[in-house]
Structures are given as structure tokens and as C-alpha cells.
Amino acid sequence: MPSFIKLLMFDLDDTLWPCKPAIIAAENTLYAWMQQRVPEITQRHDNEALFEKRRDFMRQRPDLVHDMSKLRIESLKVLSDEIGLDYDWIDEAFDVFFHARQRVELYEDVAPTLEILSADYRLAAVTNGNADIALTGVDQWFEFAVSAADVGHQKPHPLVFQTAMSKAGVAPAETVHIGDDEQRDIFGAVEVGVRTIWINRSDRDWNHTECEADHHIRSLSELPEILRKMQYNATSE
């Protein structure tokens, strides 16, 4: 029998803010820093070439794709090895990128909606990336975050969702997951028995053949009413 909803799990990148602009800006910030600190690398590679090298490195190291921070650090070590540089610049370089990556611009519907929801539900962030809820400023609404790096697996692996529910002490029937990715978010949550809401800001067609989200929305502002209806249906069944 369905239970009252207690926990809302939210994806971060492309659900609460657009990811690509934040990453591009962070890449540019890092490259400018590298031009000053390790010009031996930037004289050999422009920013686009470094992006391609990092993408190739990701293909070569599937064992690291659940930990974007470690993957980036290891990719910087490869750049050092290519020209025989010491690693003494890498920690600072990663710190430059990491803090720049947290400068996100929330979608307009995020702050007012999370303010409303946090009064009635417990909120948790569940992410494959390395966005930090404190540094991005959304920790005022979220009780905690679980990342792929924390559990050693990326969404849609069930352990990511199960870890969040275990931390909150709730059951799947008491949980709803909200995210933008049909496979990583919706399929993954459905597989562990969690109800799902797909945030589809760009009016895409639903193309997943193995699952369906309980609800499709274009804006997070639709969430409070949808959740009220879900709560009502749970009590009336």
C-alpha cells in the first residue's frame, strides 16, 4: 500500500541548473590559470585539445567515471607525464577548477519551489557529478547529498538511490525522485521501486522503452501540486 511521501531526491546538474555553461566557465578559468602556472602544457594544447584529451582519458579509464574529481586529477597527471613535469601544481589546479565549477546559475523556478517543498518534505541531492550543495548554495534546502563517488557507482546503479534512502531512513514507497535524465534518473529510480518525476525543460519526446516516469513536468513550479495529488492518491487507495 502506498505511503505518505517523506523524501524527495533531486538530481542536480540540468535539473536545478544548466550544467554545460558552468563546466565551460570552469574549464576556461582553469586554462587561464594553467597559462600562468604551467605554460609548458598550454603552449602545446589549446583548451579544446585538452577537452578532447580528457574525453579520451575517460574512455580509457571506465573505472573512474563514477568519480569525476579523481578522474580530472588523474587526467592532469597524464598531462604532466607527457612532458616530464612534477605533480606539484595539480592539487591547486584541481582546486581552481572545482571551485569555479560550483558557480552555477539556478533555473528561475528552483529557489521558490525548493523553499516551498523543504517546509513539507525532506530533500536530498543525488548526483553523478561533483557539484557541492554547500558551495553551490542549495544546502539551505537539502538535508544531505549522495554522489556517485560516495558509493562507487553512477546512477542508474541502484546503490546510489538505496544509499540516499538508507541515510534518510525511508522506504521506496515514501520516496520520489526528480531528475532530467531518462536513463540515469528515471530508469534507475524505477528499478528500486521509487516513484519518479521527469523534468523536461526542453520539450523532448520520451524515448525510454523500458520504463515510464510517473509524471512529466516542464518546470519545478509544477511539483507542489503534483506532490499534493500523489499524497492524496496514496491515502485514498
C-alpha atoms as a PDB file:
ATOM      1  CA  MET A   1       0.000   0.000   0.000  1.00  0.00           C
ATOM      2  CA  PRO A   2       1.467   3.436  -0.931  1.00  0.00           C
ATOM      3  CA  SER A   3       2.799   5.522   1.954  1.00  0.00           C
ATOM      4  CA  PHE A   4       2.978   9.227   2.584  1.00  0.00           C
ATOM      5  CA  ILE A   5       5.827  10.852   0.684  1.00  0.00           C
ATOM      6  CA  LYS A   6       8.621  11.790   3.064  1.00  0.00           C
ATOM      7  CA  LEU A   7      11.765  12.152   0.955  1.00  0.00           C
ATOM      8  CA  LEU A   8      12.317  13.985  -2.324  1.00  0.00           C
ATOM      9  CA  MET A   9      15.523  13.056  -4.116  1.00  0.00           C
ATOM     10  CA  PHE A  10      16.757  15.577  -6.682  1.00  0.00           C
ATOM     11  CA  ASP A  11      19.339  15.301  -9.396  1.00  0.00           C
ATOM     12  CA  LEU A  12      21.498  18.451  -9.580  1.00  0.00           C
ATOM     13  CA  ASP A  13      23.093  19.175 -12.988  1.00  0.00           C
ATOM     14  CA  ASP A  14      20.499  20.089 -15.633  1.00  0.00           C
ATOM     15  CA  THR A  15      17.741  19.684 -13.057  1.00  0.00           C
ATOM     16  CA  LEU A  16      18.477  22.631 -10.761  1.00  0.00           C
ATOM     17  CA  TRP A  17      20.862  24.499 -13.065  1.00  0.00           C
ATOM     18  CA  PRO A  18      22.249  24.171 -16.603  1.00  0.00           C
ATOM     19  CA  CYS A  19      25.424  22.113 -16.362  1.00  0.00           C
ATOM     20  CA  LYS A  20      27.250  22.944 -19.590  1.00  0.00           C
ATOM     21  CA  PRO A  21      27.730  26.698 -19.005  1.00  0.00           C
ATOM     22  CA  ALA A  22      29.131  26.049 -15.529  1.00  0.00           C
ATOM     23  CA  ILE A  23      31.603  23.454 -16.796  1.00  0.00           C
ATOM     24  CA  ILE A  24      32.719  25.584 -19.757  1.00  0.00           C
ATOM     25  CA  ALA A  25      33.318  28.581 -17.486  1.00  0.00           C
ATOM     26  CA  ALA A  26      35.284  26.389 -15.058  1.00  0.00           C
ATOM     27  CA  GLU A  27      37.358  24.950 -17.916  1.00  0.00           C
ATOM     28  CA  ASN A  28      38.183  28.469 -19.093  1.00  0.00           C
ATOM     29  CA  THR A  29      39.134  29.532 -15.569  1.00  0.00           C
ATOM     30  CA  LEU A  30      41.418  26.532 -15.195  1.00  0.00           C
ATOM     31  CA  TYR A  31      43.035  27.081 -18.585  1.00  0.00           C
ATOM     32  CA  ALA A  32      43.800  30.720 -17.789  1.00  0.00           C
ATOM     33  CA  TRP A  33      45.376  29.607 -14.511  1.00  0.00           C
ATOM     34  CA  MET A  34      47.422  26.940 -16.301  1.00  0.00           C
ATOM     35  CA  GLN A  35      48.712  29.509 -18.781  1.00  0.00           C
ATOM     36  CA  GLN A  36      50.347  31.258 -15.850  1.00  0.00           C
ATOM     37  CA  ARG A  37      51.361  28.241 -13.756  1.00  0.00           C
ATOM     38  CA  VAL A  38      52.214  25.524 -16.308  1.00  0.00           C
ATOM     39  CA  PRO A  39      52.675  27.280 -19.671  1.00  0.00           C
ATOM     40  CA  GLU A  40      54.581  24.219 -20.893  1.00  0.00           C
ATOM     41  CA  ILE A  41      51.194  22.493 -21.203  1.00  0.00           C
ATOM     42  CA  THR A  42      49.125  25.336 -22.641  1.00  0.00           C
ATOM     43  CA  GLN A  43      51.792  26.065 -25.249  1.00  0.00           C
ATOM     44  CA  ARG A  44      51.268  22.520 -26.535  1.00  0.00           C
ATOM     45  CA  HIS A  45      47.475  22.281 -26.181  1.00  0.00           C
ATOM     46  CA  ASP A  46      44.658  24.768 -26.527  1.00  0.00           C
ATOM     47  CA  ASN A  47      41.548  24.411 -24.366  1.00  0.00           C
ATOM     48  CA  GLU A  48      39.688  22.397 -26.992  1.00  0.00           C
ATOM     49  CA  ALA A  49      42.569  19.951 -27.341  1.00  0.00           C
ATOM     50  CA  LEU A  50      42.669  19.462 -23.573  1.00  0.00           C
ATOM     51  CA  PHE A  51      38.952  18.694 -23.617  1.00  0.00           C
ATOM     52  CA  GLU A  52      39.475  16.019 -26.279  1.00  0.00           C
ATOM     53  CA  LYS A  53      42.382  14.509 -24.360  1.00  0.00           C
ATOM     54  CA  ARG A  54      40.285  14.378 -21.207  1.00  0.00           C
ATOM     55  CA  ARG A  55      37.427  12.722 -23.089  1.00  0.00           C
ATOM     56  CA  ASP A  56      39.825  10.119 -24.476  1.00  0.00           C
ATOM     57  CA  PHE A  57      41.150   9.535 -20.975  1.00  0.00           C
ATOM     58  CA  MET A  58      37.608   8.908 -19.721  1.00  0.00           C
ATOM     59  CA  ARG A  59      37.171   6.200 -22.353  1.00  0.00           C
ATOM     60  CA  GLN A  60      40.423   4.587 -21.257  1.00  0.00           C
ATOM     61  CA  ARG A  61      39.532   4.683 -17.537  1.00  0.00           C
ATOM     62  CA  PRO A  62      35.939   3.484 -17.107  1.00  0.00           C
ATOM     63  CA  ASP A  63      36.926   2.542 -13.562  1.00  0.00           C
ATOM     64  CA  LEU A  64      36.991   6.254 -12.690  1.00  0.00           C
ATOM     65  CA  VAL A  65      33.800   7.525 -14.332  1.00  0.00           C
ATOM     66  CA  HIS A  66      31.904   7.384 -11.033  1.00  0.00           C
ATOM     67  CA  ASP A  67      34.368   9.884  -9.502  1.00  0.00           C
ATOM     68  CA  MET A  68      34.661  12.980 -11.661  1.00  0.00           C
ATOM     69  CA  SER A  69      37.069  14.674  -9.253  1.00  0.00           C
ATOM     70  CA  LYS A  70      39.540  11.799  -9.223  1.00  0.00           C
ATOM     71  CA  LEU A  71      39.201  11.378 -12.969  1.00  0.00           C
ATOM     72  CA  ARG A  72      40.137  15.017 -13.541  1.00  0.00           C
ATOM     73  CA  ILE A  73      43.101  14.810 -11.172  1.00  0.00           C
ATOM     74  CA  GLU A  74      44.386  11.686 -12.910  1.00  0.00           C
ATOM     75  CA  SER A  75      43.958  13.325 -16.311  1.00  0.00           C
ATOM     76  CA  LEU A  76      46.088  16.256 -15.125  1.00  0.00           C
ATOM     77  CA  LYS A  77      48.784  13.807 -14.075  1.00  0.00           C
ATOM     78  CA  VAL A  78      48.801  12.430 -17.615  1.00  0.00           C
ATOM     79  CA  LEU A  79      49.458  15.935 -18.943  1.00  0.00           C
ATOM     80  CA  SER A  80      52.388  16.247 -16.539  1.00  0.00           C
ATOM     81  CA  ASP A  81      53.781  12.866 -17.531  1.00  0.00           C
ATOM     82  CA  GLU A  82      53.719  13.784 -21.226  1.00  0.00           C
ATOM     83  CA  ILE A  83      56.365  16.456 -20.713  1.00  0.00           C
ATOM     84  CA  GLY A  84      58.038  15.280 -17.530  1.00  0.00           C
ATOM     85  CA  LEU A  85      56.583  17.834 -15.129  1.00  0.00           C
ATOM     86  CA  ASP A  86      56.302  17.251 -11.400  1.00  0.00           C
ATOM     87  CA  TYR A  87      52.823  16.932  -9.895  1.00  0.00           C
ATOM     88  CA  ASP A  88      53.288  19.891  -7.545  1.00  0.00           C
ATOM     89  CA  TRP A  89      50.790  22.056  -9.482  1.00  0.00           C
ATOM     90  CA  ILE A  90      47.957  19.552  -9.712  1.00  0.00           C
ATOM     91  CA  ASP A  91      46.244  19.961  -6.337  1.00  0.00           C
ATOM     92  CA  GLU A  92      45.977  23.703  -6.807  1.00  0.00           C
ATOM     93  CA  ALA A  93      44.823  23.279 -10.407  1.00  0.00           C
ATOM     94  CA  PHE A  94      42.034  20.962  -9.338  1.00  0.00           C
ATOM     95  CA  ASP A  95      41.026  23.362  -6.574  1.00  0.00           C
ATOM     96  CA  VAL A  96      40.794  26.180  -9.126  1.00  0.00           C
ATOM     97  CA  PHE A  97      38.542  24.098 -11.353  1.00  0.00           C
ATOM     98  CA  PHE A  98      36.459  22.654  -8.525  1.00  0.00           C
ATOM     99  CA  HIS A  99      35.545  25.990  -7.004  1.00  0.00           C
ATOM    100  CA  ALA A 100      34.844  27.534 -10.400  1.00  0.00           C
ATOM    101  CA  ARG A 101      32.617  24.570 -11.244  1.00  0.00           C
ATOM    102  CA  GLN A 102      30.392  25.400  -8.256  1.00  0.00           C
ATOM    103  CA  ARG A 103      29.439  28.806  -9.702  1.00  0.00           C
ATOM    104  CA  VAL A 104      26.085  27.776 -11.069  1.00  0.00           C
ATOM    105  CA  GLU A 105      23.049  29.789 -12.086  1.00  0.00           C
ATOM    106  CA  LEU A 106      19.853  28.241 -10.787  1.00  0.00           C
ATOM    107  CA  TYR A 107      16.893  27.968 -13.098  1.00  0.00           C
ATOM    108  CA  GLU A 108      14.334  30.606 -12.118  1.00  0.00           C
ATOM    109  CA  ASP A 109      11.866  28.045 -10.760  1.00  0.00           C
ATOM    110  CA  VAL A 110      14.343  26.387  -8.393  1.00  0.00           C
ATOM    111  CA  ALA A 111      14.659  28.650  -5.348  1.00  0.00           C
ATOM    112  CA  PRO A 112      10.945  29.404  -4.867  1.00  0.00           C
ATOM    113  CA  THR A 113       9.966  25.772  -5.392  1.00  0.00           C
ATOM    114  CA  LEU A 114      12.589  24.305  -3.074  1.00  0.00           C
ATOM    115  CA  GLU A 115      11.613  26.857  -0.448  1.00  0.00           C
ATOM    116  CA  ILE A 116       8.034  25.586  -0.557  1.00  0.00           C
ATOM    117  CA  LEU A 117       8.934  21.903  -0.691  1.00  0.00           C
ATOM    118  CA  SER A 118      11.506  21.986   2.105  1.00  0.00           C
ATOM    119  CA  ALA A 119       8.783  23.067   4.514  1.00  0.00           C
ATOM    120  CA  ASP A 120       6.854  19.829   3.961  1.00  0.00           C
ATOM    121  CA  TYR A 121       9.385  17.230   2.816  1.00  0.00           C
ATOM    122  CA  ARG A 122      12.927  16.116   3.436  1.00  0.00           C
ATOM    123  CA  LEU A 123      15.138  16.896   0.429  1.00  0.00           C
ATOM    124  CA  ALA A 124      18.248  15.015  -0.673  1.00  0.00           C
ATOM    125  CA  ALA A 125      20.556  15.568  -3.637  1.00  0.00           C
ATOM    126  CA  VAL A 126      21.609  12.526  -5.672  1.00  0.00           C
ATOM    127  CA  THR A 127      24.235  13.249  -8.312  1.00  0.00           C
ATOM    128  CA  ASN A 128      26.731  11.621 -10.647  1.00  0.00           C
ATOM    129  CA  GLY A 129      28.833  14.765 -10.740  1.00  0.00           C
ATOM    130  CA  ASN A 130      30.976  16.683  -8.269  1.00  0.00           C
ATOM    131  CA  ALA A 131      28.740  19.656  -7.590  1.00  0.00           C
ATOM    132  CA  ASP A 132      28.778  20.520  -3.890  1.00  0.00           C
ATOM    133  CA  ILE A 133      25.443  21.532  -2.350  1.00  0.00           C
ATOM    134  CA  ALA A 134      27.153  23.899   0.099  1.00  0.00           C
ATOM    135  CA  LEU A 135      29.367  25.632  -2.471  1.00  0.00           C
ATOM    136  CA  THR A 136      26.522  25.950  -4.985  1.00  0.00           C
ATOM    137  CA  GLY A 137      24.320  27.459  -2.278  1.00  0.00           C
ATOM    138  CA  VAL A 138      21.478  24.934  -2.342  1.00  0.00           C
ATOM    139  CA  ASP A 139      22.329  23.348   1.011  1.00  0.00           C
ATOM    140  CA  GLN A 140      19.813  25.673   2.665  1.00  0.00           C
ATOM    141  CA  TRP A 141      17.108  23.377   1.274  1.00  0.00           C
ATOM    142  CA  PHE A 142      18.849  19.994   1.222  1.00  0.00           C
ATOM    143  CA  GLU A 143      19.378  17.766   4.229  1.00  0.00           C
ATOM    144  CA  PHE A 144      22.246  15.846   2.608  1.00  0.00           C
ATOM    145  CA  ALA A 145      23.761  14.772  -0.709  1.00  0.00           C
ATOM    146  CA  VAL A 146      24.853  11.417  -2.106  1.00  0.00           C
ATOM    147  CA  SER A 147      27.246  11.343  -5.044  1.00  0.00           C
ATOM    148  CA  ALA A 148      28.377   8.566  -7.335  1.00  0.00           C
ATOM    149  CA  ALA A 149      31.843   8.965  -5.854  1.00  0.00           C
ATOM    150  CA  ASP A 150      30.418   8.293  -2.378  1.00  0.00           C
ATOM    151  CA  VAL A 151      29.088   4.870  -3.332  1.00  0.00           C
ATOM    152  CA  GLY A 152      31.461   3.834  -6.113  1.00  0.00           C
ATOM    153  CA  HIS A 153      28.794   3.677  -8.807  1.00  0.00           C
ATOM    154  CA  GLN A 154      26.972   6.067 -11.135  1.00  0.00           C
ATOM    155  CA  LYS A 155      23.246   6.374 -11.486  1.00  0.00           C
ATOM    156  CA  PRO A 156      21.324   4.360 -12.629  1.00  0.00           C
ATOM    157  CA  HIS A 157      23.044   1.870 -10.316  1.00  0.00           C
ATOM    158  CA  PRO A 158      20.562   1.012  -7.547  1.00  0.00           C
ATOM    159  CA  LEU A 159      23.107   1.577  -4.788  1.00  0.00           C
ATOM    160  CA  VAL A 160      23.079   5.334  -5.402  1.00  0.00           C
ATOM    161  CA  PHE A 161      19.355   5.606  -4.704  1.00  0.00           C
ATOM    162  CA  GLN A 162      19.407   2.984  -1.963  1.00  0.00           C
ATOM    163  CA  THR A 163      22.191   4.821  -0.144  1.00  0.00           C
ATOM    164  CA  ALA A 164      20.148   8.024  -0.076  1.00  0.00           C
ATOM    165  CA  MET A 165      17.057   6.242   1.217  1.00  0.00           C
ATOM    166  CA  SER A 166      19.074   4.363   3.818  1.00  0.00           C
ATOM    167  CA  LYS A 167      20.643   7.600   5.017  1.00  0.00           C
ATOM    168  CA  ALA A 168      17.194   9.150   5.358  1.00  0.00           C
ATOM    169  CA  GLY A 169      15.694   6.033   6.906  1.00  0.00           C
ATOM    170  CA  VAL A 170      12.823   5.848   4.422  1.00  0.00           C
ATOM    171  CA  ALA A 171      11.342   3.188   2.162  1.00  0.00           C
ATOM    172  CA  PRO A 172      10.975   3.404  -1.636  1.00  0.00           C
ATOM    173  CA  ALA A 173       7.205   3.914  -1.235  1.00  0.00           C
ATOM    174  CA  GLU A 174       7.959   7.037   0.818  1.00  0.00           C
ATOM    175  CA  THR A 175      10.316   8.484  -1.778  1.00  0.00           C
ATOM    176  CA  VAL A 176      10.054  10.407  -5.052  1.00  0.00           C
ATOM    177  CA  HIS A 177      12.992  11.097  -7.356  1.00  0.00           C
ATOM    178  CA  ILE A 178      13.097  14.131  -9.652  1.00  0.00           C
ATOM    179  CA  GLY A 179      15.602  14.346 -12.494  1.00  0.00           C
ATOM    180  CA  ASP A 180      16.186  15.217 -16.131  1.00  0.00           C
ATOM    181  CA  ASP A 181      17.832  12.049 -17.451  1.00  0.00           C
ATOM    182  CA  GLU A 182      15.551   9.250 -18.638  1.00  0.00           C
ATOM    183  CA  GLN A 183      18.130   6.509 -18.036  1.00  0.00           C
ATOM    184  CA  ARG A 184      20.213   7.675 -15.097  1.00  0.00           C
ATOM    185  CA  ASP A 185      17.416   9.285 -13.119  1.00  0.00           C
ATOM    186  CA  ILE A 186      14.096   7.775 -14.081  1.00  0.00           C
ATOM    187  CA  PHE A 187      15.068   4.216 -15.020  1.00  0.00           C
ATOM    188  CA  GLY A 188      17.422   3.963 -12.059  1.00  0.00           C
ATOM    189  CA  ALA A 189      14.816   5.113  -9.551  1.00  0.00           C
ATOM    190  CA  VAL A 190      12.055   2.966 -11.061  1.00  0.00           C
ATOM    191  CA  GLU A 191      14.285  -0.085 -10.738  1.00  0.00           C
ATOM    192  CA  VAL A 192      14.443   0.350  -6.948  1.00  0.00           C
ATOM    193  CA  GLY A 193      10.705   0.979  -6.591  1.00  0.00           C
ATOM    194  CA  VAL A 194      10.794   4.755  -6.282  1.00  0.00           C
ATOM    195  CA  ARG A 195       8.165   6.956  -7.896  1.00  0.00           C
ATOM    196  CA  THR A 196       9.601   9.396 -10.418  1.00  0.00           C
ATOM    197  CA  ILE A 197       9.067  12.824 -11.939  1.00  0.00           C
ATOM    198  CA  TRP A 198      10.850  13.696 -15.165  1.00  0.00           C
ATOM    199  CA  ILE A 199      11.809  17.356 -15.545  1.00  0.00           C
ATOM    200  CA  ASN A 200      11.757  18.036 -19.281  1.00  0.00           C
ATOM    201  CA  ARG A 201      12.656  21.690 -19.723  1.00  0.00           C
ATOM    202  CA  SER A 202      13.319  21.482 -23.465  1.00  0.00           C
ATOM    203  CA  ASP A 203      10.101  19.695 -24.517  1.00  0.00           C
ATOM    204  CA  ARG A 204      11.830  16.499 -25.626  1.00  0.00           C
ATOM    205  CA  ASP A 205       9.974  13.340 -26.523  1.00  0.00           C
ATOM    206  CA  TRP A 206      10.098  10.488 -24.037  1.00  0.00           C
ATOM    207  CA  ASN A 207      12.232   7.796 -25.696  1.00  0.00           C
ATOM    208  CA  HIS A 208      12.932   5.240 -22.974  1.00  0.00           C
ATOM    209  CA  THR A 209      11.355   1.897 -23.822  1.00  0.00           C
ATOM    210  CA  GLU A 210      11.937   0.095 -20.508  1.00  0.00           C
ATOM    211  CA  CYS A 211      10.263   2.463 -18.070  1.00  0.00           C
ATOM    212  CA  GLU A 212       7.939   5.438 -17.749  1.00  0.00           C
ATOM    213  CA  ALA A 213       8.027   8.306 -15.288  1.00  0.00           C
ATOM    214  CA  ASP A 214       5.004   8.794 -13.061  1.00  0.00           C
ATOM    215  CA  HIS A 215       4.818  12.427 -14.156  1.00  0.00           C
ATOM    216  CA  HIS A 216       6.399  14.681 -16.780  1.00  0.00           C
ATOM    217  CA  ILE A 217       6.891  18.375 -15.959  1.00  0.00           C
ATOM    218  CA  ARG A 218       8.340  21.364 -17.767  1.00  0.00           C
ATOM    219  CA  SER A 219       9.034  23.403 -14.624  1.00  0.00           C
ATOM    220  CA  LEU A 220       9.761  22.604 -10.997  1.00  0.00           C
ATOM    221  CA  SER A 221       6.977  25.013 -10.104  1.00  0.00           C
ATOM    222  CA  GLU A 222       4.570  22.196 -11.013  1.00  0.00           C
ATOM    223  CA  LEU A 223       5.934  19.981  -8.248  1.00  0.00           C
ATOM    224  CA  PRO A 224       3.995  21.146  -5.164  1.00  0.00           C
ATOM    225  CA  GLU A 225       0.611  20.483  -6.773  1.00  0.00           C
ATOM    226  CA  ILE A 226       1.681  17.163  -8.287  1.00  0.00           C
ATOM    227  CA  LEU A 227       3.059  16.004  -4.948  1.00  0.00           C
ATOM    228  CA  ARG A 228      -0.161  17.008  -3.188  1.00  0.00           C
ATOM    229  CA  LYS A 229      -2.091  14.846  -5.629  1.00  0.00           C
ATOM    230  CA  MET A 230       0.325  11.965  -5.145  1.00  0.00           C
ATOM    231  CA  GLN A 231      -0.106  12.250  -1.385  1.00  0.00           C
ATOM    232  CA  TYR A 232      -3.890  12.303  -1.742  1.00  0.00           C
ATOM    233  CA  ASN A 233      -3.886   9.270  -4.003  1.00  0.00           C
ATOM    234  CA  ALA A 234      -1.688   7.403  -1.539  1.00  0.00           C
ATOM    235  CA  THR A 235      -4.130   7.992   1.309  1.00  0.00           C
ATOM    236  CA  SER A 236      -7.232   7.163  -0.718  1.00  0.00           C
ATOM    237  CA  GLU A 237      -6.035   3.814  -2.079  1.00  0.00           C
END
